[in-house]
Amino acid sequence: MGFMGGFFRALGFEGEKKPKAEKKNKSQATYSLNNKGNKRVDQIDGVSVYYPEIYDHIFDFAGFVMEGKPIIISLEGCDKENSNRILDFLNGFIFASNARMINLDKETLYLILPEGMSIEE
């Protein structure tokens, strides 16, 4: 506020109030995979969530990463054997494609980022 703004305010004239910029909180991923209705979410923060139930399903999902799309893999519907096979495949795929895998929730939820893509923390 300059001298003139203070002068007009002293005379009872209110200047134009400038809207203040509001601070936005960083958005965080919100999800509940084990909610009451056992409903599976399709997306978390705009990233598609896939639920492979058998080992063969993972090949389709790996194709999305090769196309440059990030994906989330949920292993909640897999038995232990298929879950281990899928994780073994993902580890090899991640290494070969220079992608990145981030464990989001215990041992059931994984974010797969294509090469060159990162997340804001």
PDB file of N, CA and C in Angstrom:
ATOM      1  N   MET A   1       0.848  -1.147   0.000  1.00  0.00           N
ATOM      2  CA  MET A   1       0.000   0.000   0.000  1.00  0.00           C
ATOM      3  C   MET A   1       0.908   1.227   0.000  1.00  0.00           C
ATOM      4  N   GLY A   2       0.634   2.135  -0.894  1.00  0.00           N
ATOM      5  CA  GLY A   2       1.422   3.346  -0.985  1.00  0.00           C
ATOM      6  C   GLY A   2       0.862   4.465  -0.129  1.00  0.00           C
ATOM      7  N   PHE A   3       1.482   5.623  -0.258  1.00  0.00           N
ATOM      8  CA  PHE A   3       1.069   6.786   0.512  1.00  0.00           C
ATOM      9  C   PHE A   3      -0.379   7.161   0.216  1.00  0.00           C
ATOM     10  N   MET A   4      -0.740   7.187  -1.063  1.00  0.00           N
ATOM     11  CA  MET A   4      -2.095   7.589  -1.452  1.00  0.00           C
ATOM     12  C   MET A   4      -3.137   6.604  -0.937  1.00  0.00           C
ATOM     13  N   GLY A   5      -2.801   5.320  -0.926  1.00  0.00           N
ATOM     14  CA  GLY A   5      -3.735   4.322  -0.419  1.00  0.00           C
ATOM     15  C   GLY A   5      -4.018   4.548   1.054  1.00  0.00           C
ATOM     16  N   GLY A   6      -2.990   4.889   1.832  1.00  0.00           N
ATOM     17  CA  GLY A   6      -3.153   5.183   3.259  1.00  0.00           C
ATOM     18  C   GLY A   6      -3.933   6.461   3.461  1.00  0.00           C
ATOM     19  N   PHE A   7      -3.715   7.451   2.614  1.00  0.00           N
ATOM     20  CA  PHE A   7      -4.408   8.737   2.703  1.00  0.00           C
ATOM     21  C   PHE A   7      -5.905   8.546   2.469  1.00  0.00           C
ATOM     22  N   PHE A   8      -6.260   7.794   1.392  1.00  0.00           N
ATOM     23  CA  PHE A   8      -7.670   7.572   1.100  1.00  0.00           C
ATOM     24  C   PHE A   8      -8.334   6.725   2.174  1.00  0.00           C
ATOM     25  N   ARG A   9      -7.615   5.778   2.711  1.00  0.00           N
ATOM     26  CA  ARG A   9      -8.164   4.940   3.779  1.00  0.00           C
ATOM     27  C   ARG A   9      -8.439   5.796   5.019  1.00  0.00           C
ATOM     28  N   ALA A  10      -7.551   6.759   5.304  1.00  0.00           N
ATOM     29  CA  ALA A  10      -7.739   7.642   6.449  1.00  0.00           C
ATOM     30  C   ALA A  10      -8.973   8.520   6.277  1.00  0.00           C
ATOM     31  N   LEU A  11      -9.310   8.858   5.041  1.00  0.00           N
ATOM     32  CA  LEU A  11     -10.498   9.662   4.773  1.00  0.00           C
ATOM     33  C   LEU A  11     -11.771   8.821   4.734  1.00  0.00           C
ATOM     34  N   GLY A  12     -11.637   7.516   4.889  1.00  0.00           N
ATOM     35  CA  GLY A  12     -12.812   6.650   4.925  1.00  0.00           C
ATOM     36  C   GLY A  12     -13.118   5.959   3.617  1.00  0.00           C
ATOM     37  N   PHE A  13     -12.271   6.128   2.646  1.00  0.00           N
ATOM     38  CA  PHE A  13     -12.483   5.451   1.369  1.00  0.00           C
ATOM     39  C   PHE A  13     -11.728   4.125   1.396  1.00  0.00           C
ATOM     40  N   GLU A  14     -12.428   3.098   1.096  1.00  0.00           N
ATOM     41  CA  GLU A  14     -11.782   1.782   1.014  1.00  0.00           C
ATOM     42  C   GLU A  14     -11.315   1.579  -0.413  1.00  0.00           C
ATOM     43  N   GLY A  15     -10.126   1.136  -0.540  1.00  0.00           N
ATOM     44  CA  GLY A  15      -9.611   0.818  -1.858  1.00  0.00           C
ATOM     45  C   GLY A  15     -10.144  -0.523  -2.324  1.00  0.00           C
ATOM     46  N   GLU A  16      -9.832  -0.827  -3.528  1.00  0.00           N
ATOM     47  CA  GLU A  16     -10.229  -2.133  -4.052  1.00  0.00           C
ATOM     48  C   GLU A  16      -9.487  -3.209  -3.294  1.00  0.00           C
ATOM     49  N   LYS A  17     -10.239  -4.152  -2.782  1.00  0.00           N
ATOM     50  CA  LYS A  17      -9.587  -5.242  -2.058  1.00  0.00           C
ATOM     51  C   LYS A  17      -9.135  -6.284  -3.057  1.00  0.00           C
ATOM     52  N   LYS A  18      -7.900  -6.623  -2.950  1.00  0.00           N
ATOM     53  CA  LYS A  18      -7.338  -7.632  -3.841  1.00  0.00           C
ATOM     54  C   LYS A  18      -7.582  -9.002  -3.227  1.00  0.00           C
ATOM     55  N   PRO A  19      -8.060  -9.917  -4.011  1.00  0.00           N
ATOM     56  CA  PRO A  19      -8.264 -11.261  -3.454  1.00  0.00           C
ATOM     57  C   PRO A  19      -6.916 -11.893  -3.122  1.00  0.00           C
ATOM     58  N   LYS A  20      -6.868 -12.481  -1.967  1.00  0.00           N
ATOM     59  CA  LYS A  20      -5.630 -13.136  -1.554  1.00  0.00           C
ATOM     60  C   LYS A  20      -5.584 -14.534  -2.136  1.00  0.00           C
ATOM     61  N   ALA A  21      -4.405 -14.904  -2.574  1.00  0.00           N
ATOM     62  CA  ALA A  21      -4.238 -16.253  -3.099  1.00  0.00           C
ATOM     63  C   ALA A  21      -4.281 -17.229  -1.937  1.00  0.00           C
ATOM     64  N   GLU A  22      -5.083 -18.238  -2.088  1.00  0.00           N
ATOM     65  CA  GLU A  22      -5.186 -19.248  -1.042  1.00  0.00           C
ATOM     66  C   GLU A  22      -4.119 -20.306  -1.259  1.00  0.00           C
ATOM     67  N   LYS A  23      -3.543 -20.730  -0.165  1.00  0.00           N
ATOM     68  CA  LYS A  23      -2.573 -21.819  -0.261  1.00  0.00           C
ATOM     69  C   LYS A  23      -3.333 -23.112  -0.448  1.00  0.00           C
ATOM     70  N   LYS A  24      -2.904 -23.844  -1.416  1.00  0.00           N
ATOM     71  CA  LYS A  24      -3.532 -25.141  -1.647  1.00  0.00           C
ATOM     72  C   LYS A  24      -2.707 -26.207  -0.965  1.00  0.00           C
ATOM     73  N   ASN A  25      -3.387 -27.054  -0.248  1.00  0.00           N
ATOM     74  CA  ASN A  25      -2.689 -28.182   0.357  1.00  0.00           C
ATOM     75  C   ASN A  25      -2.314 -29.157  -0.735  1.00  0.00           C
ATOM     76  N   LYS A  26      -1.192 -29.801  -0.551  1.00  0.00           N
ATOM     77  CA  LYS A  26      -0.800 -30.816  -1.525  1.00  0.00           C
ATOM     78  C   LYS A  26      -1.819 -31.937  -1.498  1.00  0.00           C
ATOM     79  N   SER A  27      -2.241 -32.329  -2.672  1.00  0.00           N
ATOM     80  CA  SER A  27      -3.203 -33.425  -2.707  1.00  0.00           C
ATOM     81  C   SER A  27      -2.471 -34.732  -2.430  1.00  0.00           C
ATOM     82  N   GLN A  28      -3.145 -35.562  -1.723  1.00  0.00           N
ATOM     83  CA  GLN A  28      -2.568 -36.854  -1.413  1.00  0.00           C
ATOM     84  C   GLN A  28      -3.480 -37.926  -1.972  1.00  0.00           C
ATOM     85  N   ALA A  29      -2.884 -39.035  -2.296  1.00  0.00           N
ATOM     86  CA  ALA A  29      -3.684 -40.144  -2.795  1.00  0.00           C
ATOM     87  C   ALA A  29      -4.587 -40.639  -1.672  1.00  0.00           C
ATOM     88  N   THR A  30      -5.844 -40.783  -2.003  1.00  0.00           N
ATOM     89  CA  THR A  30      -6.773 -41.318  -1.022  1.00  0.00           C
ATOM     90  C   THR A  30      -7.435 -42.538  -1.640  1.00  0.00           C
ATOM     91  N   TYR A  31      -7.441 -43.579  -0.918  1.00  0.00           N
ATOM     92  CA  TYR A  31      -8.036 -44.798  -1.428  1.00  0.00           C
ATOM     93  C   TYR A  31      -8.361 -45.714  -0.280  1.00  0.00           C
ATOM     94  N   SER A  32      -9.286 -46.588  -0.532  1.00  0.00           N
ATOM     95  CA  SER A  32      -9.630 -47.602   0.452  1.00  0.00           C
ATOM     96  C   SER A  32      -9.954 -48.871  -0.317  1.00  0.00           C
ATOM     97  N   LEU A  33      -9.051 -49.791  -0.283  1.00  0.00           N
ATOM     98  CA  LEU A  33      -9.269 -51.024  -1.036  1.00  0.00           C
ATOM     99  C   LEU A  33     -10.101 -52.026  -0.252  1.00  0.00           C
ATOM    100  N   ASN A  34     -10.179 -51.850   1.030  1.00  0.00           N
ATOM    101  CA  ASN A  34     -10.926 -52.796   1.853  1.00  0.00           C
ATOM    102  C   ASN A  34     -12.112 -52.110   2.517  1.00  0.00           C
ATOM    103  N   ASN A  35     -12.906 -51.399   1.722  1.00  0.00           N
ATOM    104  CA  ASN A  35     -14.035 -50.719   2.326  1.00  0.00           C
ATOM    105  C   ASN A  35     -15.221 -51.670   2.485  1.00  0.00           C
ATOM    106  N   LYS A  36     -16.294 -51.200   3.092  1.00  0.00           N
ATOM    107  CA  LYS A  36     -17.411 -52.047   3.475  1.00  0.00           C
ATOM    108  C   LYS A  36     -17.990 -52.855   2.324  1.00  0.00           C
ATOM    109  N   GLY A  37     -18.180 -52.234   1.178  1.00  0.00           N
ATOM    110  CA  GLY A  37     -18.773 -52.923   0.041  1.00  0.00           C
ATOM    111  C   GLY A  37     -17.777 -53.752  -0.745  1.00  0.00           C
ATOM    112  N   ASN A  38     -16.524 -53.784  -0.312  1.00  0.00           N
ATOM    113  CA  ASN A  38     -15.470 -54.502  -1.029  1.00  0.00           C
ATOM    114  C   ASN A  38     -15.385 -54.042  -2.475  1.00  0.00           C
ATOM    115  N   LYS A  39     -15.726 -52.781  -2.717  1.00  0.00           N
ATOM    116  CA  LYS A  39     -15.698 -52.213  -4.061  1.00  0.00           C
ATOM    117  C   LYS A  39     -14.262 -51.889  -4.443  1.00  0.00           C
ATOM    118  N   ARG A  40     -13.886 -52.262  -5.606  1.00  0.00           N
ATOM    119  CA  ARG A  40     -12.543 -51.976  -6.097  1.00  0.00           C
ATOM    120  C   ARG A  40     -12.547 -50.631  -6.789  1.00  0.00           C
ATOM    121  N   VAL A  41     -11.526 -49.839  -6.498  1.00  0.00           N
ATOM    122  CA  VAL A  41     -11.418 -48.530  -7.136  1.00  0.00           C
ATOM    123  C   VAL A  41     -10.802 -48.702  -8.517  1.00  0.00           C
ATOM    124  N   ASP A  42     -11.219 -47.840  -9.437  1.00  0.00           N
ATOM    125  CA  ASP A  42     -10.692 -47.880 -10.802  1.00  0.00           C
ATOM    126  C   ASP A  42      -9.455 -47.010 -10.959  1.00  0.00           C
ATOM    127  N   GLN A  43      -9.392 -45.936 -10.146  1.00  0.00           N
ATOM    128  CA  GLN A  43      -8.274 -45.006 -10.246  1.00  0.00           C
ATOM    129  C   GLN A  43      -7.914 -44.463  -8.879  1.00  0.00           C
ATOM    130  N   ILE A  44      -6.647 -44.131  -8.721  1.00  0.00           N
ATOM    131  CA  ILE A  44      -6.160 -43.411  -7.554  1.00  0.00           C
ATOM    132  C   ILE A  44      -5.395 -42.214  -8.095  1.00  0.00           C
ATOM    133  N   ASP A  45      -5.881 -41.031  -7.805  1.00  0.00           N
ATOM    134  CA  ASP A  45      -5.283 -39.786  -8.300  1.00  0.00           C
ATOM    135  C   ASP A  45      -5.048 -39.811  -9.812  1.00  0.00           C
ATOM    136  N   GLY A  46      -5.992 -40.316 -10.549  1.00  0.00           N
ATOM    137  CA  GLY A  46      -5.902 -40.321 -12.005  1.00  0.00           C
ATOM    138  C   GLY A  46      -5.093 -41.449 -12.609  1.00  0.00           C
ATOM    139  N   VAL A  47      -4.541 -42.320 -11.793  1.00  0.00           N
ATOM    140  CA  VAL A  47      -3.753 -43.454 -12.297  1.00  0.00           C
ATOM    141  C   VAL A  47      -4.617 -44.708 -12.202  1.00  0.00           C
ATOM    142  N   SER A  48      -4.720 -45.427 -13.301  1.00  0.00           N
ATOM    143  CA  SER A  48      -5.553 -46.626 -13.338  1.00  0.00           C
ATOM    144  C   SER A  48      -5.024 -47.717 -12.423  1.00  0.00           C
ATOM    145  N   VAL A  49      -5.952 -48.391 -11.745  1.00  0.00           N
ATOM    146  CA  VAL A  49      -5.619 -49.489 -10.843  1.00  0.00           C
ATOM    147  C   VAL A  49      -6.052 -50.790 -11.503  1.00  0.00           C
ATOM    148  N   TYR A  50      -5.150 -51.757 -11.546  1.00  0.00           N
ATOM    149  CA  TYR A  50      -5.438 -53.061 -12.146  1.00  0.00           C
ATOM    150  C   TYR A  50      -5.290 -54.158 -11.103  1.00  0.00           C
ATOM    151  N   TYR A  51      -6.116 -55.166 -11.232  1.00  0.00           N
ATOM    152  CA  TYR A  51      -6.180 -56.252 -10.258  1.00  0.00           C
ATOM    153  C   TYR A  51      -5.930 -57.594 -10.947  1.00  0.00           C
ATOM    154  N   PRO A  52      -4.676 -57.942 -11.193  1.00  0.00           N
ATOM    155  CA  PRO A  52      -4.424 -59.250 -11.810  1.00  0.00           C
ATOM    156  C   PRO A  52      -4.770 -60.356 -10.819  1.00  0.00           C
ATOM    157  N   GLU A  53      -5.501 -61.345 -11.284  1.00  0.00           N
ATOM    158  CA  GLU A  53      -5.846 -62.459 -10.401  1.00  0.00           C
ATOM    159  C   GLU A  53      -5.047 -63.705 -10.734  1.00  0.00           C
ATOM    160  N   ILE A  54      -4.553 -63.742 -11.971  1.00  0.00           N
ATOM    161  CA  ILE A  54      -3.670 -64.833 -12.371  1.00  0.00           C
ATOM    162  C   ILE A  54      -2.442 -64.227 -13.053  1.00  0.00           C
ATOM    163  N   TYR A  55      -1.406 -64.993 -13.138  1.00  0.00           N
ATOM    164  CA  TYR A  55      -0.127 -64.524 -13.669  1.00  0.00           C
ATOM    165  C   TYR A  55      -0.244 -63.968 -15.083  1.00  0.00           C
ATOM    166  N   ASP A  56      -1.062 -64.591 -15.945  1.00  0.00           N
ATOM    167  CA  ASP A  56      -1.145 -64.178 -17.344  1.00  0.00           C
ATOM    168  C   ASP A  56      -1.684 -62.758 -17.523  1.00  0.00           C
ATOM    169  N   HIS A  57      -2.425 -62.244 -16.559  1.00  0.00           N
ATOM    170  CA  HIS A  57      -2.974 -60.896 -16.678  1.00  0.00           C
ATOM    171  C   HIS A  57      -1.899 -59.812 -16.690  1.00  0.00           C
ATOM    172  N   ILE A  58      -0.790 -60.061 -16.061  1.00  0.00           N
ATOM    173  CA  ILE A  58       0.223 -59.024 -15.888  1.00  0.00           C
ATOM    174  C   ILE A  58       0.855 -58.590 -17.211  1.00  0.00           C
ATOM    175  N   PHE A  59       0.865 -59.454 -18.205  1.00  0.00           N
ATOM    176  CA  PHE A  59       1.449 -59.105 -19.502  1.00  0.00           C
ATOM    177  C   PHE A  59       0.694 -57.956 -20.159  1.00  0.00           C
ATOM    178  N   ASP A  60      -0.639 -57.955 -20.031  1.00  0.00           N
ATOM    179  CA  ASP A  60      -1.438 -56.865 -20.595  1.00  0.00           C
ATOM    180  C   ASP A  60      -1.114 -55.546 -19.907  1.00  0.00           C
ATOM    181  N   PHE A  61      -0.978 -55.586 -18.592  1.00  0.00           N
ATOM    182  CA  PHE A  61      -0.733 -54.373 -17.832  1.00  0.00           C
ATOM    183  C   PHE A  61       0.656 -53.815 -18.103  1.00  0.00           C
ATOM    184  N   ALA A  62       1.624 -54.677 -18.326  1.00  0.00           N
ATOM    185  CA  ALA A  62       2.990 -54.234 -18.644  1.00  0.00           C
ATOM    186  C   ALA A  62       3.002 -53.471 -19.969  1.00  0.00           C
ATOM    187  N   GLY A  63       2.103 -53.836 -20.873  1.00  0.00           N
ATOM    188  CA  GLY A  63       1.997 -53.129 -22.154  1.00  0.00           C
ATOM    189  C   GLY A  63       1.631 -51.662 -21.972  1.00  0.00           C
ATOM    190  N   PHE A  64       0.808 -51.371 -20.980  1.00  0.00           N
ATOM    191  CA  PHE A  64       0.442 -49.980 -20.719  1.00  0.00           C
ATOM    192  C   PHE A  64       1.663 -49.163 -20.311  1.00  0.00           C
ATOM    193  N   VAL A  65       2.526 -49.747 -19.505  1.00  0.00           N
ATOM    194  CA  VAL A  65       3.738 -49.058 -19.068  1.00  0.00           C
ATOM    195  C   VAL A  65       4.653 -48.825 -20.265  1.00  0.00           C
ATOM    196  N   MET A  66       4.729 -49.802 -21.157  1.00  0.00           N
ATOM    197  CA  MET A  66       5.549 -49.649 -22.365  1.00  0.00           C
ATOM    198  C   MET A  66       5.027 -48.516 -23.250  1.00  0.00           C
ATOM    199  N   GLU A  67       3.729 -48.215 -23.149  1.00  0.00           N
ATOM    200  CA  GLU A  67       3.127 -47.111 -23.904  1.00  0.00           C
ATOM    201  C   GLU A  67       3.313 -45.770 -23.194  1.00  0.00           C
ATOM    202  N   GLY A  68       3.978 -45.781 -22.034  1.00  0.00           N
ATOM    203  CA  GLY A  68       4.248 -44.547 -21.307  1.00  0.00           C
ATOM    204  C   GLY A  68       3.182 -44.162 -20.297  1.00  0.00           C
ATOM    205  N   LYS A  69       2.323 -45.110 -19.923  1.00  0.00           N
ATOM    206  CA  LYS A  69       1.260 -44.822 -18.962  1.00  0.00           C
ATOM    207  C   LYS A  69       1.610 -45.411 -17.599  1.00  0.00           C
ATOM    208  N   PRO A  70       1.507 -44.612 -16.537  1.00  0.00           N
ATOM    209  CA  PRO A  70       1.723 -45.175 -15.207  1.00  0.00           C
ATOM    210  C   PRO A  70       0.526 -46.035 -14.809  1.00  0.00           C
ATOM    211  N   ILE A  71       0.764 -47.055 -14.031  1.00  0.00           N
ATOM    212  CA  ILE A  71      -0.330 -47.917 -13.574  1.00  0.00           C
ATOM    213  C   ILE A  71      -0.108 -48.270 -12.105  1.00  0.00           C
ATOM    214  N   ILE A  72      -1.182 -48.706 -11.478  1.00  0.00           N
ATOM    215  CA  ILE A  72      -1.105 -49.233 -10.124  1.00  0.00           C
ATOM    216  C   ILE A  72      -1.584 -50.668 -10.183  1.00  0.00           C
ATOM    217  N   ILE A  73      -0.799 -51.564  -9.614  1.00  0.00           N
ATOM    218  CA  ILE A  73      -1.145 -52.977  -9.555  1.00  0.00           C
ATOM    219  C   ILE A  73      -1.535 -53.307  -8.125  1.00  0.00           C
ATOM    220  N   SER A  74      -2.722 -53.878  -7.965  1.00  0.00           N
ATOM    221  CA  SER A  74      -3.156 -54.334  -6.649  1.00  0.00           C
ATOM    222  C   SER A  74      -3.186 -55.854  -6.662  1.00  0.00           C
ATOM    223  N   LEU A  75      -2.492 -56.452  -5.727  1.00  0.00           N
ATOM    224  CA  LEU A  75      -2.415 -57.908  -5.647  1.00  0.00           C
ATOM    225  C   LEU A  75      -3.376 -58.466  -4.598  1.00  0.00           C
ATOM    226  N   GLU A  76      -4.374 -57.685  -4.214  1.00  0.00           N
ATOM    227  CA  GLU A  76      -5.282 -58.111  -3.151  1.00  0.00           C
ATOM    228  C   GLU A  76      -6.095 -59.350  -3.504  1.00  0.00           C
ATOM    229  N   GLY A  77      -6.350 -59.598  -4.784  1.00  0.00           N
ATOM    230  CA  GLY A  77      -7.152 -60.757  -5.173  1.00  0.00           C
ATOM    231  C   GLY A  77      -6.326 -61.979  -5.541  1.00  0.00           C
ATOM    232  N   CYS A  78      -5.007 -61.887  -5.411  1.00  0.00           N
ATOM    233  CA  CYS A  78      -4.120 -62.986  -5.812  1.00  0.00           C
ATOM    234  C   CYS A  78      -3.807 -63.904  -4.639  1.00  0.00           C
ATOM    235  N   ASP A  79      -3.637 -65.169  -4.991  1.00  0.00           N
ATOM    236  CA  ASP A  79      -3.107 -66.073  -3.967  1.00  0.00           C
ATOM    237  C   ASP A  79      -1.595 -65.842  -3.881  1.00  0.00           C
ATOM    238  N   LYS A  80      -0.980 -66.411  -2.878  1.00  0.00           N
ATOM    239  CA  LYS A  80       0.446 -66.168  -2.607  1.00  0.00           C
ATOM    240  C   LYS A  80       1.344 -66.571  -3.788  1.00  0.00           C
ATOM    241  N   GLU A  81       1.042 -67.712  -4.416  1.00  0.00           N
ATOM    242  CA  GLU A  81       1.875 -68.196  -5.526  1.00  0.00           C
ATOM    243  C   GLU A  81       1.825 -67.237  -6.718  1.00  0.00           C
ATOM    244  N   ASN A  82       0.616 -66.847  -7.150  1.00  0.00           N
ATOM    245  CA  ASN A  82       0.498 -65.915  -8.271  1.00  0.00           C
ATOM    246  C   ASN A  82       1.075 -64.550  -7.919  1.00  0.00           C
ATOM    247  N   SER A  83       0.881 -64.126  -6.699  1.00  0.00           N
ATOM    248  CA  SER A  83       1.416 -62.856  -6.245  1.00  0.00           C
ATOM    249  C   SER A  83       2.938 -62.835  -6.361  1.00  0.00           C
ATOM    250  N   ASN A  84       3.590 -63.899  -5.932  1.00  0.00           N
ATOM    251  CA  ASN A  84       5.048 -63.989  -6.039  1.00  0.00           C
ATOM    252  C   ASN A  84       5.514 -64.016  -7.486  1.00  0.00           C
ATOM    253  N   ARG A  85       4.815 -64.736  -8.338  1.00  0.00           N
ATOM    254  CA  ARG A  85       5.185 -64.798  -9.757  1.00  0.00           C
ATOM    255  C   ARG A  85       5.031 -63.430 -10.416  1.00  0.00           C
ATOM    256  N   ILE A  86       3.950 -62.735 -10.075  1.00  0.00           N
ATOM    257  CA  ILE A  86       3.719 -61.410 -10.645  1.00  0.00           C
ATOM    258  C   ILE A  86       4.807 -60.435 -10.202  1.00  0.00           C
ATOM    259  N   LEU A  87       5.156 -60.471  -8.930  1.00  0.00           N
ATOM    260  CA  LEU A  87       6.213 -59.586  -8.438  1.00  0.00           C
ATOM    261  C   LEU A  87       7.561 -59.905  -9.075  1.00  0.00           C
ATOM    262  N   ASP A  88       7.846 -61.190  -9.285  1.00  0.00           N
ATOM    263  CA  ASP A  88       9.080 -61.569  -9.974  1.00  0.00           C
ATOM    264  C   ASP A  88       9.106 -61.010 -11.394  1.00  0.00           C
ATOM    265  N   PHE A  89       7.987 -61.154 -12.094  1.00  0.00           N
ATOM    266  CA  PHE A  89       7.896 -60.620 -13.456  1.00  0.00           C
ATOM    267  C   PHE A  89       8.067 -59.102 -13.441  1.00  0.00           C
ATOM    268  N   LEU A  90       7.374 -58.419 -12.518  1.00  0.00           N
ATOM    269  CA  LEU A  90       7.463 -56.961 -12.454  1.00  0.00           C
ATOM    270  C   LEU A  90       8.888 -56.496 -12.173  1.00  0.00           C
ATOM    271  N   ASN A  91       9.584 -57.176 -11.282  1.00  0.00           N
ATOM    272  CA  ASN A  91      10.964 -56.797 -10.994  1.00  0.00           C
ATOM    273  C   ASN A  91      11.851 -56.916 -12.229  1.00  0.00           C
ATOM    274  N   GLY A  92      11.686 -57.977 -12.990  1.00  0.00           N
ATOM    275  CA  GLY A  92      12.448 -58.130 -14.231  1.00  0.00           C
ATOM    276  C   GLY A  92      12.037 -57.106 -15.273  1.00  0.00           C
ATOM    277  N   PHE A  93      10.745 -56.865 -15.385  1.00  0.00           N
ATOM    278  CA  PHE A  93      10.224 -55.887 -16.341  1.00  0.00           C
ATOM    279  C   PHE A  93      10.736 -54.485 -16.003  1.00  0.00           C
ATOM    280  N   ILE A  94      10.723 -54.141 -14.738  1.00  0.00           N
ATOM    281  CA  ILE A  94      11.185 -52.832 -14.287  1.00  0.00           C
ATOM    282  C   ILE A  94      12.654 -52.640 -14.654  1.00  0.00           C
ATOM    283  N   PHE A  95      13.446 -53.653 -14.405  1.00  0.00           N
ATOM    284  CA  PHE A  95      14.868 -53.588 -14.715  1.00  0.00           C
ATOM    285  C   PHE A  95      15.094 -53.435 -16.223  1.00  0.00           C
ATOM    286  N   ALA A  96      14.410 -54.240 -17.009  1.00  0.00           N
ATOM    287  CA  ALA A  96      14.632 -54.246 -18.459  1.00  0.00           C
ATOM    288  C   ALA A  96      14.123 -52.973 -19.134  1.00  0.00           C
ATOM    289  N   SER A  97      13.070 -52.374 -18.605  1.00  0.00           N
ATOM    290  CA  SER A  97      12.461 -51.223 -19.272  1.00  0.00           C
ATOM    291  C   SER A  97      12.850 -49.884 -18.633  1.00  0.00           C
ATOM    292  N   ASN A  98      13.743 -49.917 -17.656  1.00  0.00           N
ATOM    293  CA  ASN A  98      14.150 -48.700 -16.927  1.00  0.00           C
ATOM    294  C   ASN A  98      12.966 -47.985 -16.292  1.00  0.00           C
ATOM    295  N   ALA A  99      11.952 -48.736 -15.948  1.00  0.00           N
ATOM    296  CA  ALA A  99      10.790 -48.177 -15.256  1.00  0.00           C
ATOM    297  C   ALA A  99      11.097 -48.128 -13.765  1.00  0.00           C
ATOM    298  N   ARG A 100      10.115 -47.753 -12.997  1.00  0.00           N
ATOM    299  CA  ARG A 100      10.294 -47.636 -11.548  1.00  0.00           C
ATOM    300  C   ARG A 100       9.072 -48.205 -10.846  1.00  0.00           C
ATOM    301  N   MET A 101       9.295 -48.935  -9.765  1.00  0.00           N
ATOM    302  CA  MET A 101       8.193 -49.509  -9.003  1.00  0.00           C
ATOM    303  C   MET A 101       8.249 -48.984  -7.577  1.00  0.00           C
ATOM    304  N   ILE A 102       7.095 -48.500  -7.084  1.00  0.00           N
ATOM    305  CA  ILE A 102       7.006 -47.954  -5.736  1.00  0.00           C
ATOM    306  C   ILE A 102       5.919 -48.715  -4.984  1.00  0.00           C
ATOM    307  N   ASN A 103       6.284 -49.246  -3.832  1.00  0.00           N
ATOM    308  CA  ASN A 103       5.325 -49.966  -2.993  1.00  0.00           C
ATOM    309  C   ASN A 103       4.477 -48.935  -2.264  1.00  0.00           C
ATOM    310  N   LEU A 104       3.164 -48.948  -2.484  1.00  0.00           N
ATOM    311  CA  LEU A 104       2.280 -47.958  -1.885  1.00  0.00           C
ATOM    312  C   LEU A 104       1.622 -48.420  -0.594  1.00  0.00           C
ATOM    313  N   ASP A 105       1.345 -49.709  -0.493  1.00  0.00           N
ATOM    314  CA  ASP A 105       0.569 -50.189   0.649  1.00  0.00           C
ATOM    315  C   ASP A 105       0.947 -51.622   0.968  1.00  0.00           C
ATOM    316  N   LYS A 106       1.661 -51.810   2.062  1.00  0.00           N
ATOM    317  CA  LYS A 106       2.070 -53.139   2.514  1.00  0.00           C
ATOM    318  C   LYS A 106       2.698 -53.909   1.368  1.00  0.00           C
ATOM    319  N   GLU A 107       2.154 -55.071   1.077  1.00  0.00           N
ATOM    320  CA  GLU A 107       2.695 -55.883  -0.021  1.00  0.00           C
ATOM    321  C   GLU A 107       1.650 -56.131  -1.095  1.00  0.00           C
ATOM    322  N   THR A 108       0.666 -55.217  -1.209  1.00  0.00           N
ATOM    323  CA  THR A 108      -0.410 -55.476  -2.162  1.00  0.00           C
ATOM    324  C   THR A 108      -0.602 -54.404  -3.216  1.00  0.00           C
ATOM    325  N   LEU A 109      -0.021 -53.227  -3.050  1.00  0.00           N
ATOM    326  CA  LEU A 109      -0.295 -52.122  -3.961  1.00  0.00           C
ATOM    327  C   LEU A 109       1.017 -51.526  -4.467  1.00  0.00           C
ATOM    328  N   TYR A 110       1.194 -51.517  -5.786  1.00  0.00           N
ATOM    329  CA  TYR A 110       2.448 -51.066  -6.393  1.00  0.00           C
ATOM    330  C   TYR A 110       2.167 -50.077  -7.510  1.00  0.00           C
ATOM    331  N   LEU A 111       2.891 -48.968  -7.500  1.00  0.00           N
ATOM    332  CA  LEU A 111       2.834 -47.974  -8.566  1.00  0.00           C
ATOM    333  C   LEU A 111       3.981 -48.259  -9.520  1.00  0.00           C
ATOM    334  N   ILE A 112       3.666 -48.386 -10.798  1.00  0.00           N
ATOM    335  CA  ILE A 112       4.681 -48.631 -11.827  1.00  0.00           C
ATOM    336  C   ILE A 112       4.755 -47.384 -12.700  1.00  0.00           C
ATOM    337  N   LEU A 113       5.932 -46.757 -12.725  1.00  0.00           N
ATOM    338  CA  LEU A 113       6.149 -45.546 -13.518  1.00  0.00           C
ATOM    339  C   LEU A 113       7.025 -45.866 -14.711  1.00  0.00           C
ATOM    340  N   PRO A 114       6.618 -45.447 -15.908  1.00  0.00           N
ATOM    341  CA  PRO A 114       7.456 -45.642 -17.092  1.00  0.00           C
ATOM    342  C   PRO A 114       8.758 -44.865 -16.986  1.00  0.00           C
ATOM    343  N   GLU A 115       9.695 -45.201 -17.826  1.00  0.00           N
ATOM    344  CA  GLU A 115      10.991 -44.523 -17.848  1.00  0.00           C
ATOM    345  C   GLU A 115      10.787 -43.016 -18.038  1.00  0.00           C
ATOM    346  N   GLY A 116      11.509 -42.232 -17.264  1.00  0.00           N
ATOM    347  CA  GLY A 116      11.452 -40.775 -17.392  1.00  0.00           C
ATOM    348  C   GLY A 116      10.318 -40.117 -16.632  1.00  0.00           C
ATOM    349  N   MET A 117       9.445 -40.887 -16.033  1.00  0.00           N
ATOM    350  CA  MET A 117       8.335 -40.315 -15.293  1.00  0.00           C
ATOM    351  C   MET A 117       8.639 -40.381 -13.807  1.00  0.00           C
ATOM    352  N   SER A 118       8.267 -39.349 -13.074  1.00  0.00           N
ATOM    353  CA  SER A 118       8.492 -39.333 -11.634  1.00  0.00           C
ATOM    354  C   SER A 118       7.235 -38.824 -10.941  1.00  0.00           C
ATOM    355  N   ILE A 119       7.219 -38.924  -9.626  1.00  0.00           N
ATOM    356  CA  ILE A 119       6.085 -38.439  -8.863  1.00  0.00           C
ATOM    357  C   ILE A 119       6.517 -37.281  -7.990  1.00  0.00           C
ATOM    358  N   GLU A 120       5.576 -36.423  -7.673  1.00  0.00           N
ATOM    359  CA  GLU A 120       5.849 -35.306  -6.791  1.00  0.00           C
ATOM    360  C   GLU A 120       5.550 -35.750  -5.377  1.00  0.00           C
ATOM    361  N   GLU A 121       6.516 -35.631  -4.504  1.00  0.00           N
ATOM    362  CA  GLU A 121       6.324 -36.098  -3.128  1.00  0.00           C
ATOM    363  C   GLU A 121       6.041 -34.962  -2.186  1.00  0.00           C
TER     364      GLU A 121
END
